Amino acid sequence: MKTIVYKKYGPPDVLQLKKTAEPIPKDHEILVKVKATTVTAADIRARSFTVPAFFWLPARITLGFRQPKKEVLGVELAGEIVSVGKDVKRFKEGDQVFAASLEEFGAYAEYKCLSEDGPVSIKPSNISYAEAAAIPIGARTALYFLRKAKIQSGQKVLIYGASGSVGSYAVQIAKYFGANVTGVCSTSNLEWVKSLGADKVIDYTSEDFSTGAELYDVIFEAVNKSSFTDCIKVLKKDGTYINITEPLPSFLMLWTTLTTGKKLILSRNAPETPEALNFLGELVEMGKLKVIIDRSFDFEEIVEAHRYVEKGHKKGNVIINVELHNKS
């Protein structure tokens, strides 16, 4: 089968198209013919080994010291089950599914084995494979953190980085839960973020959200480009600050949680279970959650796709069409 591999850390050019053996599913696994995958921040960080200095050692242990342990990237996918292990109960051959593969990577291939008990769910019938492939990480991350913050109807939520993959999902999911949503993004994305359901949009290039009179129950930092000092100025005294990219608290963060009623939720991986995907699939079928695709690339164009995402300006999600003759 065709597979995208990388033998060393570095720029997008380290990604190479190779022929590898098609995997065989174990007793509790399904074999998926991958129709579409994505390029996410996780793929970029793993490929380039761009991690905070204090995470250098644990990241090297996880990813590999001299070269990558797992040579095939790709953390989310959608496709069709072509065979199942003898003990599989949840799925059958021919099922259309979407899945996360964050723990194992490996979605940059024509076929991928997945545990039937992992984060795998039946693809919503009203969207394409390309759209379904863009749900498992970004939408699941947004859902996990908003639930962790115990979001409630009527609360005021500010989402910084509202036009990215996680941010665009956070806007929609927060609205589904009944929140009043303010999205912060660049000038070119204001109307688009508003179309996702945001009640108010702020252009960070011309307006400082921290100087306004509005106070928020939840501040959701999706891109780590605002300062914590600015955020706590407009966070209610019992509000929750979420930062999905920052794993360790600063001294100011710790001091704030110790001396005020403000709560802190920092970066962590969402649990690898199917329940969240089932819920998100239902939202899609109900028309409550839209998948936003910025650009699509062919499998052989994955280097260009990584270059594009690495610039940090994508709107929504970037898709890789693995099965070239069927880009739906």
C-alpha atoms as a PDB file:
ATOM      1  CA  MET A   1       0.000   0.000   0.000  1.00  0.00           C
ATOM      2  CA  LYS A   2       1.029   3.637  -0.396  1.00  0.00           C
ATOM      3  CA  THR A   3       2.228   5.220   2.837  1.00  0.00           C
ATOM      4  CA  ILE A   4       3.755   8.545   3.807  1.00  0.00           C
ATOM      5  CA  VAL A   5       6.757   7.952   6.075  1.00  0.00           C
ATOM      6  CA  TYR A   6       9.394  10.095   7.753  1.00  0.00           C
ATOM      7  CA  LYS A   7      12.728   8.697   8.906  1.00  0.00           C
ATOM      8  CA  LYS A   8      14.011  11.840  10.611  1.00  0.00           C
ATOM      9  CA  TYR A   9      12.696  15.024  12.211  1.00  0.00           C
ATOM     10  CA  GLY A  10      12.713  18.151  10.134  1.00  0.00           C
ATOM     11  CA  PRO A  11      10.861  20.316   7.591  1.00  0.00           C
ATOM     12  CA  PRO A  12       7.978  19.032   5.437  1.00  0.00           C
ATOM     13  CA  ASP A  13      10.443  17.603   2.916  1.00  0.00           C
ATOM     14  CA  VAL A  14      11.260  14.720   5.295  1.00  0.00           C
ATOM     15  CA  LEU A  15       7.888  13.206   4.359  1.00  0.00           C
ATOM     16  CA  GLN A  16       8.234  10.578   1.638  1.00  0.00           C
ATOM     17  CA  LEU A  17       5.814   8.373  -0.279  1.00  0.00           C
ATOM     18  CA  LYS A  18       6.726   4.686   0.112  1.00  0.00           C
ATOM     19  CA  LYS A  19       5.254   1.240  -0.497  1.00  0.00           C
ATOM     20  CA  THR A  20       4.660  -0.707   2.728  1.00  0.00           C
ATOM     21  CA  ALA A  21       2.888  -3.930   3.639  1.00  0.00           C
ATOM     22  CA  GLU A  22      -0.862  -3.791   4.128  1.00  0.00           C
ATOM     23  CA  PRO A  23      -1.668  -4.465   7.816  1.00  0.00           C
ATOM     24  CA  ILE A  24      -3.690  -7.460   9.008  1.00  0.00           C
ATOM     25  CA  PRO A  25      -6.288  -6.858  11.757  1.00  0.00           C
ATOM     26  CA  LYS A  26      -5.911  -8.696  15.058  1.00  0.00           C
ATOM     27  CA  ASP A  27      -8.847 -10.423  16.730  1.00  0.00           C
ATOM     28  CA  HIS A  28     -10.331  -7.198  18.158  1.00  0.00           C
ATOM     29  CA  GLU A  29      -9.311  -4.886  15.345  1.00  0.00           C
ATOM     30  CA  ILE A  30     -10.895  -3.506  12.197  1.00  0.00           C
ATOM     31  CA  LEU A  31      -9.039  -2.789   8.950  1.00  0.00           C
ATOM     32  CA  VAL A  32     -10.055   0.546   7.418  1.00  0.00           C
ATOM     33  CA  LYS A  33      -9.438   1.596   3.845  1.00  0.00           C
ATOM     34  CA  VAL A  34      -8.571   5.238   4.470  1.00  0.00           C
ATOM     35  CA  LYS A  35     -10.434   7.686   2.233  1.00  0.00           C
ATOM     36  CA  ALA A  36      -9.267  10.906   3.895  1.00  0.00           C
ATOM     37  CA  THR A  37      -7.003  12.153   6.661  1.00  0.00           C
ATOM     38  CA  THR A  38      -5.840  15.589   7.841  1.00  0.00           C
ATOM     39  CA  VAL A  39      -2.824  17.703   8.709  1.00  0.00           C
ATOM     40  CA  THR A  40      -3.087  18.806  12.342  1.00  0.00           C
ATOM     41  CA  ALA A  41      -0.885  20.680  14.797  1.00  0.00           C
ATOM     42  CA  ALA A  42      -0.001  17.294  16.327  1.00  0.00           C
ATOM     43  CA  ASP A  43       1.372  16.089  12.985  1.00  0.00           C
ATOM     44  CA  ILE A  44       3.395  19.287  12.569  1.00  0.00           C
ATOM     45  CA  ARG A  45       4.886  19.075  16.073  1.00  0.00           C
ATOM     46  CA  ALA A  46       5.791  15.399  15.736  1.00  0.00           C
ATOM     47  CA  ARG A  47       7.336  15.805  12.282  1.00  0.00           C
ATOM     48  CA  SER A  48       9.417  18.847  13.148  1.00  0.00           C
ATOM     49  CA  PHE A  49       9.919  17.954  16.814  1.00  0.00           C
ATOM     50  CA  THR A  50       8.790  21.400  17.858  1.00  0.00           C
ATOM     51  CA  VAL A  51       8.107  21.116  21.589  1.00  0.00           C
ATOM     52  CA  PRO A  52       8.683  23.377  24.626  1.00  0.00           C
ATOM     53  CA  ALA A  53      12.175  23.036  26.107  1.00  0.00           C
ATOM     54  CA  PHE A  54      10.919  21.507  29.362  1.00  0.00           C
ATOM     55  CA  PHE A  55       9.195  18.758  27.320  1.00  0.00           C
ATOM     56  CA  TRP A  56      12.239  17.894  25.240  1.00  0.00           C
ATOM     57  CA  LEU A  57      13.202  14.754  27.176  1.00  0.00           C
ATOM     58  CA  PRO A  58       9.715  13.222  27.641  1.00  0.00           C
ATOM     59  CA  ALA A  59       8.920  14.033  24.001  1.00  0.00           C
ATOM     60  CA  ARG A  60      12.116  12.334  22.827  1.00  0.00           C
ATOM     61  CA  ILE A  61      11.287   9.288  24.948  1.00  0.00           C
ATOM     62  CA  THR A  62       7.782   9.162  23.445  1.00  0.00           C
ATOM     63  CA  LEU A  63       8.585  10.012  19.839  1.00  0.00           C
ATOM     64  CA  GLY A  64      12.125   8.657  19.543  1.00  0.00           C
ATOM     65  CA  PHE A  65      15.594  10.020  20.340  1.00  0.00           C
ATOM     66  CA  ARG A  66      17.597   9.843  17.123  1.00  0.00           C
ATOM     67  CA  GLN A  67      14.709   9.215  14.766  1.00  0.00           C
ATOM     68  CA  PRO A  68      10.926   8.761  14.939  1.00  0.00           C
ATOM     69  CA  LYS A  69       9.701   5.548  16.559  1.00  0.00           C
ATOM     70  CA  LYS A  70       6.487   5.755  14.567  1.00  0.00           C
ATOM     71  CA  GLU A  71       7.363   6.565  10.992  1.00  0.00           C
ATOM     72  CA  VAL A  72       3.796   7.179   9.801  1.00  0.00           C
ATOM     73  CA  LEU A  73       2.004  10.325  10.960  1.00  0.00           C
ATOM     74  CA  GLY A  74      -1.722  11.065  10.781  1.00  0.00           C
ATOM     75  CA  VAL A  75      -3.993  11.344  13.827  1.00  0.00           C
ATOM     76  CA  GLU A  76      -7.483  11.281  12.320  1.00  0.00           C
ATOM     77  CA  LEU A  77      -9.156   9.541   9.410  1.00  0.00           C
ATOM     78  CA  ALA A  78     -12.346   8.465   7.718  1.00  0.00           C
ATOM     79  CA  GLY A  79     -12.852   5.432   5.552  1.00  0.00           C
ATOM     80  CA  GLU A  80     -14.554   2.095   4.952  1.00  0.00           C
ATOM     81  CA  ILE A  81     -14.023  -1.115   6.900  1.00  0.00           C
ATOM     82  CA  VAL A  82     -12.714  -3.796   4.541  1.00  0.00           C
ATOM     83  CA  SER A  83     -12.200  -6.599   7.085  1.00  0.00           C
ATOM     84  CA  VAL A  84     -12.632  -7.291  10.795  1.00  0.00           C
ATOM     85  CA  GLY A  85     -10.934  -9.506  13.374  1.00  0.00           C
ATOM     86  CA  LYS A  86     -12.732 -12.665  14.455  1.00  0.00           C
ATOM     87  CA  ASP A  87     -13.841 -11.210  17.817  1.00  0.00           C
ATOM     88  CA  VAL A  88     -15.084  -7.818  16.583  1.00  0.00           C
ATOM     89  CA  LYS A  89     -18.677  -7.083  17.637  1.00  0.00           C
ATOM     90  CA  ARG A  90     -19.255  -3.340  17.137  1.00  0.00           C
ATOM     91  CA  PHE A  91     -18.519  -3.106  13.418  1.00  0.00           C
ATOM     92  CA  LYS A  92     -18.832  -5.083  10.225  1.00  0.00           C
ATOM     93  CA  GLU A  93     -17.257  -5.090   6.786  1.00  0.00           C
ATOM     94  CA  GLY A  94     -18.580  -2.223   4.684  1.00  0.00           C
ATOM     95  CA  ASP A  95     -19.245   0.159   7.588  1.00  0.00           C
ATOM     96  CA  GLN A  96     -18.230   3.760   6.933  1.00  0.00           C
ATOM     97  CA  VAL A  97     -16.342   5.110   9.946  1.00  0.00           C
ATOM     98  CA  PHE A  98     -14.319   8.043  11.253  1.00  0.00           C
ATOM     99  CA  ALA A  99     -11.674   7.733  13.932  1.00  0.00           C
ATOM    100  CA  ALA A 100      -8.856   9.281  15.927  1.00  0.00           C
ATOM    101  CA  SER A 101      -5.409   7.674  15.913  1.00  0.00           C
ATOM    102  CA  LEU A 102      -3.558  10.086  18.184  1.00  0.00           C
ATOM    103  CA  GLU A 103      -1.944   7.393  20.346  1.00  0.00           C
ATOM    104  CA  GLU A 104      -0.634   5.309  17.469  1.00  0.00           C
ATOM    105  CA  PHE A 105      -0.557   7.808  14.567  1.00  0.00           C
ATOM    106  CA  GLY A 106      -0.570   5.945  11.215  1.00  0.00           C
ATOM    107  CA  ALA A 107      -3.402   7.568   9.252  1.00  0.00           C
ATOM    108  CA  TYR A 108      -1.074   8.651   6.418  1.00  0.00           C
ATOM    109  CA  ALA A 109      -1.595   5.308   4.698  1.00  0.00           C
ATOM    110  CA  GLU A 110      -4.092   3.603   2.416  1.00  0.00           C
ATOM    111  CA  TYR A 111      -5.039   1.130   5.162  1.00  0.00           C
ATOM    112  CA  LYS A 112      -5.061   1.396   8.944  1.00  0.00           C
ATOM    113  CA  CYS A 113      -5.884  -1.138  11.699  1.00  0.00           C
ATOM    114  CA  LEU A 114      -7.841   0.208  14.659  1.00  0.00           C
ATOM    115  CA  SER A 115      -9.096  -1.311  17.901  1.00  0.00           C
ATOM    116  CA  GLU A 116     -12.870  -1.684  17.800  1.00  0.00           C
ATOM    117  CA  ASP A 117     -13.016  -0.291  21.366  1.00  0.00           C
ATOM    118  CA  GLY A 118     -11.005   2.817  20.505  1.00  0.00           C
ATOM    119  CA  PRO A 119     -12.157   6.246  19.304  1.00  0.00           C
ATOM    120  CA  VAL A 120     -14.012   4.949  16.244  1.00  0.00           C
ATOM    121  CA  SER A 121     -17.594   5.733  15.248  1.00  0.00           C
ATOM    122  CA  ILE A 122     -19.956   5.341  12.314  1.00  0.00           C
ATOM    123  CA  LYS A 123     -19.605   8.247   9.884  1.00  0.00           C
ATOM    124  CA  PRO A 124     -22.566  10.635   9.824  1.00  0.00           C
ATOM    125  CA  SER A 125     -24.542   9.924   6.669  1.00  0.00           C
ATOM    126  CA  ASN A 126     -24.955  13.579   5.721  1.00  0.00           C
ATOM    127  CA  ILE A 127     -21.265  14.444   5.320  1.00  0.00           C
ATOM    128  CA  SER A 128     -18.390  13.295   3.119  1.00  0.00           C
ATOM    129  CA  TYR A 129     -15.354  11.257   4.127  1.00  0.00           C
ATOM    130  CA  ALA A 130     -13.282  14.433   3.896  1.00  0.00           C
ATOM    131  CA  GLU A 131     -15.537  16.238   6.366  1.00  0.00           C
ATOM    132  CA  ALA A 132     -15.719  13.251   8.697  1.00  0.00           C
ATOM    133  CA  ALA A 133     -11.927  12.961   8.809  1.00  0.00           C
ATOM    134  CA  ALA A 134     -11.722  16.469  10.269  1.00  0.00           C
ATOM    135  CA  ILE A 135     -13.875  15.752  13.340  1.00  0.00           C
ATOM    136  CA  PRO A 136     -12.015  13.288  15.624  1.00  0.00           C
ATOM    137  CA  ILE A 137      -9.300  15.569  17.051  1.00  0.00           C
ATOM    138  CA  GLY A 138     -10.397  19.200  16.745  1.00  0.00           C
ATOM    139  CA  ALA A 139     -14.066  18.736  17.619  1.00  0.00           C
ATOM    140  CA  ARG A 140     -13.338  16.152  20.317  1.00  0.00           C
ATOM    141  CA  THR A 141     -10.800  18.492  21.908  1.00  0.00           C
ATOM    142  CA  ALA A 142     -13.260  21.396  21.942  1.00  0.00           C
ATOM    143  CA  LEU A 143     -16.000  19.210  23.417  1.00  0.00           C
ATOM    144  CA  TYR A 144     -13.729  17.750  26.091  1.00  0.00           C
ATOM    145  CA  PHE A 145     -12.512  21.105  27.406  1.00  0.00           C
ATOM    146  CA  LEU A 146     -15.918  22.772  27.325  1.00  0.00           C
ATOM    147  CA  ARG A 147     -17.388  19.863  29.266  1.00  0.00           C
ATOM    148  CA  LYS A 148     -14.449  20.027  31.675  1.00  0.00           C
ATOM    149  CA  ALA A 149     -15.331  23.674  32.304  1.00  0.00           C
ATOM    150  CA  LYS A 150     -18.937  22.606  33.017  1.00  0.00           C
ATOM    151  CA  ILE A 151     -20.284  24.990  30.401  1.00  0.00           C
ATOM    152  CA  GLN A 152     -23.902  25.995  30.990  1.00  0.00           C
ATOM    153  CA  SER A 153     -26.644  27.771  29.101  1.00  0.00           C
ATOM    154  CA  GLY A 154     -26.493  31.533  29.474  1.00  0.00           C
ATOM    155  CA  GLN A 155     -22.785  31.712  30.267  1.00  0.00           C
ATOM    156  CA  LYS A 156     -20.524  34.131  28.416  1.00  0.00           C
ATOM    157  CA  VAL A 157     -17.660  32.403  26.618  1.00  0.00           C
ATOM    158  CA  LEU A 158     -14.726  34.038  24.835  1.00  0.00           C
ATOM    159  CA  ILE A 159     -12.849  31.893  22.321  1.00  0.00           C
ATOM    160  CA  TYR A 160      -9.431  33.175  21.275  1.00  0.00           C
ATOM    161  CA  GLY A 161      -8.423  31.655  17.944  1.00  0.00           C
ATOM    162  CA  ALA A 162     -12.010  31.106  16.846  1.00  0.00           C
ATOM    163  CA  SER A 163     -11.143  30.467  13.198  1.00  0.00           C
ATOM    164  CA  GLY A 164      -8.831  27.485  13.675  1.00  0.00           C
ATOM    165  CA  SER A 165      -9.860  23.844  13.782  1.00  0.00           C
ATOM    166  CA  VAL A 166     -10.462  23.578  17.539  1.00  0.00           C
ATOM    167  CA  GLY A 167     -11.657  27.165  17.821  1.00  0.00           C
ATOM    168  CA  SER A 168     -14.270  26.879  15.082  1.00  0.00           C
ATOM    169  CA  TYR A 169     -15.646  23.737  16.723  1.00  0.00           C
ATOM    170  CA  ALA A 170     -15.588  25.401  20.148  1.00  0.00           C
ATOM    171  CA  VAL A 171     -17.738  28.251  18.850  1.00  0.00           C
ATOM    172  CA  GLN A 172     -20.375  25.838  17.559  1.00  0.00           C
ATOM    173  CA  ILE A 173     -20.341  23.471  20.535  1.00  0.00           C
ATOM    174  CA  ALA A 174     -20.525  26.324  23.044  1.00  0.00           C
ATOM    175  CA  LYS A 175     -23.539  27.664  21.149  1.00  0.00           C
ATOM    176  CA  TYR A 176     -25.126  24.203  21.199  1.00  0.00           C
ATOM    177  CA  PHE A 177     -24.851  24.226  24.995  1.00  0.00           C
ATOM    178  CA  GLY A 178     -26.594  27.612  25.086  1.00  0.00           C
ATOM    179  CA  ALA A 179     -23.651  29.925  25.745  1.00  0.00           C
ATOM    180  CA  ASN A 180     -23.274  33.497  24.543  1.00  0.00           C
ATOM    181  CA  VAL A 181     -20.100  33.306  22.433  1.00  0.00           C
ATOM    182  CA  THR A 182     -17.517  35.940  21.562  1.00  0.00           C
ATOM    183  CA  GLY A 183     -14.939  34.868  18.984  1.00  0.00           C
ATOM    184  CA  VAL A 184     -11.527  36.504  18.611  1.00  0.00           C
ATOM    185  CA  CYS A 185      -9.872  36.204  15.197  1.00  0.00           C
ATOM    186  CA  SER A 186      -8.263  38.193  12.387  1.00  0.00           C
ATOM    187  CA  THR A 187     -10.013  40.710  10.129  1.00  0.00           C
ATOM    188  CA  SER A 188     -10.478  38.312   7.218  1.00  0.00           C
ATOM    189  CA  ASN A 189     -12.271  35.740   9.390  1.00  0.00           C
ATOM    190  CA  LEU A 190     -14.735  37.972  11.260  1.00  0.00           C
ATOM    191  CA  GLU A 191     -17.810  37.295   9.112  1.00  0.00           C
ATOM    192  CA  TRP A 192     -16.952  33.629   8.807  1.00  0.00           C
ATOM    193  CA  VAL A 193     -16.723  33.149  12.595  1.00  0.00           C
ATOM    194  CA  LYS A 194     -20.001  35.017  12.965  1.00  0.00           C
ATOM    195  CA  SER A 195     -21.567  32.602  10.474  1.00  0.00           C
ATOM    196  CA  LEU A 196     -20.585  29.725  12.778  1.00  0.00           C
ATOM    197  CA  GLY A 197     -22.896  31.189  15.418  1.00  0.00           C
ATOM    198  CA  ALA A 198     -20.710  33.594  17.385  1.00  0.00           C
ATOM    199  CA  ASP A 199     -22.832  36.332  18.993  1.00  0.00           C
ATOM    200  CA  LYS A 200     -19.948  38.786  18.791  1.00  0.00           C
ATOM    201  CA  VAL A 201     -16.589  38.835  17.018  1.00  0.00           C
ATOM    202  CA  ILE A 202     -13.460  40.793  17.926  1.00  0.00           C
ATOM    203  CA  ASP A 203     -10.688  41.599  15.468  1.00  0.00           C
ATOM    204  CA  TYR A 204      -7.477  41.135  17.443  1.00  0.00           C
ATOM    205  CA  THR A 205      -5.556  43.278  14.935  1.00  0.00           C
ATOM    206  CA  SER A 206      -7.529  46.390  15.853  1.00  0.00           C
ATOM    207  CA  GLU A 207      -9.218  45.750  19.210  1.00  0.00           C
ATOM    208  CA  ASP A 208      -7.910  44.577  22.587  1.00  0.00           C
ATOM    209  CA  PHE A 209     -10.485  42.220  24.098  1.00  0.00           C
ATOM    210  CA  SER A 210      -9.020  42.734  27.592  1.00  0.00           C
ATOM    211  CA  THR A 211      -9.897  46.446  27.713  1.00  0.00           C
ATOM    212  CA  GLY A 212     -13.629  45.961  27.262  1.00  0.00           C
ATOM    213  CA  ALA A 213     -16.287  46.039  29.956  1.00  0.00           C
ATOM    214  CA  GLU A 214     -17.492  42.498  29.197  1.00  0.00           C
ATOM    215  CA  LEU A 215     -16.635  39.785  31.734  1.00  0.00           C
ATOM    216  CA  TYR A 216     -16.645  36.096  30.796  1.00  0.00           C
ATOM    217  CA  ASP A 217     -17.516  32.874  32.585  1.00  0.00           C
ATOM    218  CA  VAL A 218     -15.136  30.901  30.363  1.00  0.00           C
ATOM    219  CA  ILE A 219     -12.131  32.005  28.331  1.00  0.00           C
ATOM    220  CA  PHE A 220     -11.027  29.355  25.831  1.00  0.00           C
ATOM    221  CA  GLU A 221      -7.515  29.960  24.488  1.00  0.00           C
ATOM    222  CA  ALA A 222      -7.203  27.750  21.392  1.00  0.00           C
ATOM    223  CA  VAL A 223      -3.941  29.029  19.899  1.00  0.00           C
ATOM    224  CA  ASN A 224      -1.920  30.317  22.887  1.00  0.00           C
ATOM    225  CA  LYS A 225      -1.493  33.796  21.415  1.00  0.00           C
ATOM    226  CA  SER A 226      -3.146  35.866  24.134  1.00  0.00           C
ATOM    227  CA  SER A 227      -1.507  36.634  27.469  1.00  0.00           C
ATOM    228  CA  PHE A 228      -2.828  35.115  30.681  1.00  0.00           C
ATOM    229  CA  THR A 229      -2.580  38.564  32.285  1.00  0.00           C
ATOM    230  CA  ASP A 230      -5.000  39.980  29.718  1.00  0.00           C
ATOM    231  CA  CYS A 231      -7.365  37.044  30.049  1.00  0.00           C
ATOM    232  CA  ILE A 232      -7.769  37.187  33.824  1.00  0.00           C
ATOM    233  CA  LYS A 233      -8.662  40.892  33.581  1.00  0.00           C
ATOM    234  CA  VAL A 234     -11.945  39.952  31.917  1.00  0.00           C
ATOM    235  CA  LEU A 235     -12.548  36.571  33.576  1.00  0.00           C
ATOM    236  CA  LYS A 236     -15.283  36.538  36.208  1.00  0.00           C
ATOM    237  CA  LYS A 237     -14.225  35.925  39.808  1.00  0.00           C
ATOM    238  CA  ASP A 238     -15.443  32.323  39.637  1.00  0.00           C
ATOM    239  CA  GLY A 239     -14.687  31.881  35.917  1.00  0.00           C
ATOM    240  CA  THR A 240     -12.623  29.225  34.137  1.00  0.00           C
ATOM    241  CA  TYR A 241      -9.566  29.793  31.970  1.00  0.00           C
ATOM    242  CA  ILE A 242      -8.830  27.083  29.386  1.00  0.00           C
ATOM    243  CA  ASN A 243      -5.598  26.839  27.426  1.00  0.00           C
ATOM    244  CA  ILE A 244      -5.512  23.774  25.171  1.00  0.00           C
ATOM    245  CA  THR A 245      -1.866  24.180  24.128  1.00  0.00           C
ATOM    246  CA  GLU A 246      -0.102  25.079  27.403  1.00  0.00           C
ATOM    247  CA  PRO A 247       0.571  21.953  29.520  1.00  0.00           C
ATOM    248  CA  LEU A 248       2.250  23.529  32.560  1.00  0.00           C
ATOM    249  CA  PRO A 249       1.018  26.474  34.662  1.00  0.00           C
ATOM    250  CA  SER A 250       3.100  29.604  35.044  1.00  0.00           C
ATOM    251  CA  PHE A 251       3.711  31.107  38.480  1.00  0.00           C
ATOM    252  CA  LEU A 252       0.990  33.687  37.807  1.00  0.00           C
ATOM    253  CA  MET A 253      -1.457  30.938  36.864  1.00  0.00           C
ATOM    254  CA  LEU A 254      -0.750  29.043  40.086  1.00  0.00           C
ATOM    255  CA  TRP A 255      -0.949  32.209  42.163  1.00  0.00           C
ATOM    256  CA  THR A 256      -4.284  33.114  40.562  1.00  0.00           C
ATOM    257  CA  THR A 257      -5.820  29.738  41.395  1.00  0.00           C
ATOM    258  CA  LEU A 258      -4.513  29.931  44.975  1.00  0.00           C
ATOM    259  CA  THR A 259      -5.652  33.471  45.707  1.00  0.00           C
ATOM    260  CA  THR A 260      -8.895  33.753  43.725  1.00  0.00           C
ATOM    261  CA  GLY A 261     -11.879  31.638  42.818  1.00  0.00           C
ATOM    262  CA  LYS A 262     -10.800  31.493  39.193  1.00  0.00           C
ATOM    263  CA  LYS A 263     -10.206  28.010  37.789  1.00  0.00           C
ATOM    264  CA  LEU A 264      -7.533  26.765  35.409  1.00  0.00           C
ATOM    265  CA  ILE A 265      -7.718  23.972  32.812  1.00  0.00           C
ATOM    266  CA  LEU A 266      -4.549  23.359  30.811  1.00  0.00           C
ATOM    267  CA  SER A 267      -3.536  21.130  27.902  1.00  0.00           C
ATOM    268  CA  ARG A 268      -4.134  17.396  28.121  1.00  0.00           C
ATOM    269  CA  ASN A 269      -5.200  14.719  25.679  1.00  0.00           C
ATOM    270  CA  ALA A 270      -8.915  14.010  25.547  1.00  0.00           C
ATOM    271  CA  PRO A 271      -9.751  10.406  26.532  1.00  0.00           C
ATOM    272  CA  GLU A 272      -9.432   7.966  23.624  1.00  0.00           C
ATOM    273  CA  THR A 273     -12.971   6.555  23.718  1.00  0.00           C
ATOM    274  CA  PRO A 274     -15.777   6.366  21.139  1.00  0.00           C
ATOM    275  CA  GLU A 275     -18.412   8.168  23.224  1.00  0.00           C
ATOM    276  CA  ALA A 276     -17.364  11.683  22.220  1.00  0.00           C
ATOM    277  CA  LEU A 277     -17.278  10.763  18.526  1.00  0.00           C
ATOM    278  CA  ASN A 278     -20.748   9.231  18.789  1.00  0.00           C
ATOM    279  CA  PHE A 279     -22.031  12.464  20.342  1.00  0.00           C
ATOM    280  CA  LEU A 280     -20.309  14.665  17.755  1.00  0.00           C
ATOM    281  CA  GLY A 281     -21.672  12.497  14.952  1.00  0.00           C
ATOM    282  CA  GLU A 282     -25.170  13.065  16.312  1.00  0.00           C
ATOM    283  CA  LEU A 283     -24.606  16.831  16.349  1.00  0.00           C
ATOM    284  CA  VAL A 284     -23.517  16.691  12.713  1.00  0.00           C
ATOM    285  CA  GLU A 285     -26.569  14.698  11.687  1.00  0.00           C
ATOM    286  CA  MET A 286     -28.784  17.166  13.581  1.00  0.00           C
ATOM    287  CA  GLY A 287     -27.220  20.042  11.661  1.00  0.00           C
ATOM    288  CA  LYS A 288     -25.785  21.545  14.859  1.00  0.00           C
ATOM    289  CA  LEU A 289     -22.135  21.091  13.911  1.00  0.00           C
ATOM    290  CA  LYS A 290     -20.528  22.043  10.612  1.00  0.00           C
ATOM    291  CA  VAL A 291     -17.117  20.847   9.471  1.00  0.00           C
ATOM    292  CA  ILE A 292     -15.040  23.638   7.979  1.00  0.00           C
ATOM    293  CA  ILE A 293     -12.502  22.671   5.317  1.00  0.00           C
ATOM    294  CA  ASP A 294      -9.923  25.273   4.406  1.00  0.00           C
ATOM    295  CA  ARG A 295      -8.043  23.359   1.714  1.00  0.00           C
ATOM    296  CA  SER A 296      -7.778  19.831   0.330  1.00  0.00           C
ATOM    297  CA  PHE A 297      -4.626  18.186  -1.005  1.00  0.00           C
ATOM    298  CA  ASP A 298      -3.989  14.910  -2.807  1.00  0.00           C
ATOM    299  CA  PHE A 299      -2.000  12.219  -1.018  1.00  0.00           C
ATOM    300  CA  GLU A 300       1.083  12.960  -3.117  1.00  0.00           C
ATOM    301  CA  GLU A 301       0.819  16.646  -2.154  1.00  0.00           C
ATOM    302  CA  ILE A 302       1.273  16.084   1.572  1.00  0.00           C
ATOM    303  CA  VAL A 303       4.548  18.011   1.723  1.00  0.00           C
ATOM    304  CA  GLU A 304       2.757  21.090   0.353  1.00  0.00           C
ATOM    305  CA  ALA A 305      -0.083  20.516   2.829  1.00  0.00           C
ATOM    306  CA  HIS A 306       2.354  20.492   5.751  1.00  0.00           C
ATOM    307  CA  ARG A 307       4.002  23.663   4.492  1.00  0.00           C
ATOM    308  CA  TYR A 308       0.619  25.356   4.339  1.00  0.00           C
ATOM    309  CA  VAL A 309      -0.473  24.307   7.835  1.00  0.00           C
ATOM    310  CA  GLU A 310       2.924  25.186   9.305  1.00  0.00           C
ATOM    311  CA  LYS A 311       2.346  28.831   8.361  1.00  0.00           C
ATOM    312  CA  GLY A 312      -0.291  28.937  11.098  1.00  0.00           C
ATOM    313  CA  HIS A 313      -3.072  30.684   9.188  1.00  0.00           C
ATOM    314  CA  LYS A 314      -5.409  27.870   8.206  1.00  0.00           C
ATOM    315  CA  LYS A 315      -9.137  28.429   8.577  1.00  0.00           C
ATOM    316  CA  GLY A 316     -10.760  25.297   9.927  1.00  0.00           C
ATOM    317  CA  ASN A 317      -9.216  22.055   8.680  1.00  0.00           C
ATOM    318  CA  VAL A 318      -6.804  20.875   5.991  1.00  0.00           C
ATOM    319  CA  ILE A 319      -7.711  17.583   4.305  1.00  0.00           C
ATOM    320  CA  ILE A 320      -5.591  14.946   2.597  1.00  0.00           C
ATOM    321  CA  ASN A 321      -7.518  12.878   0.045  1.00  0.00           C
ATOM    322  CA  VAL A 322      -5.937   9.449   0.359  1.00  0.00           C
ATOM    323  CA  GLU A 323      -8.127   7.754  -2.222  1.00  0.00           C
ATOM    324  CA  LEU A 324      -7.495   9.995  -5.193  1.00  0.00           C
ATOM    325  CA  HIS A 325     -10.288   8.803  -7.451  1.00  0.00           C
ATOM    326  CA  ASN A 326     -12.898   9.474  -4.761  1.00  0.00           C
ATOM    327  CA  LYS A 327     -12.477  12.888  -3.169  1.00  0.00           C
ATOM    328  CA  SER A 328     -15.905  12.983  -1.572  1.00  0.00           C
END
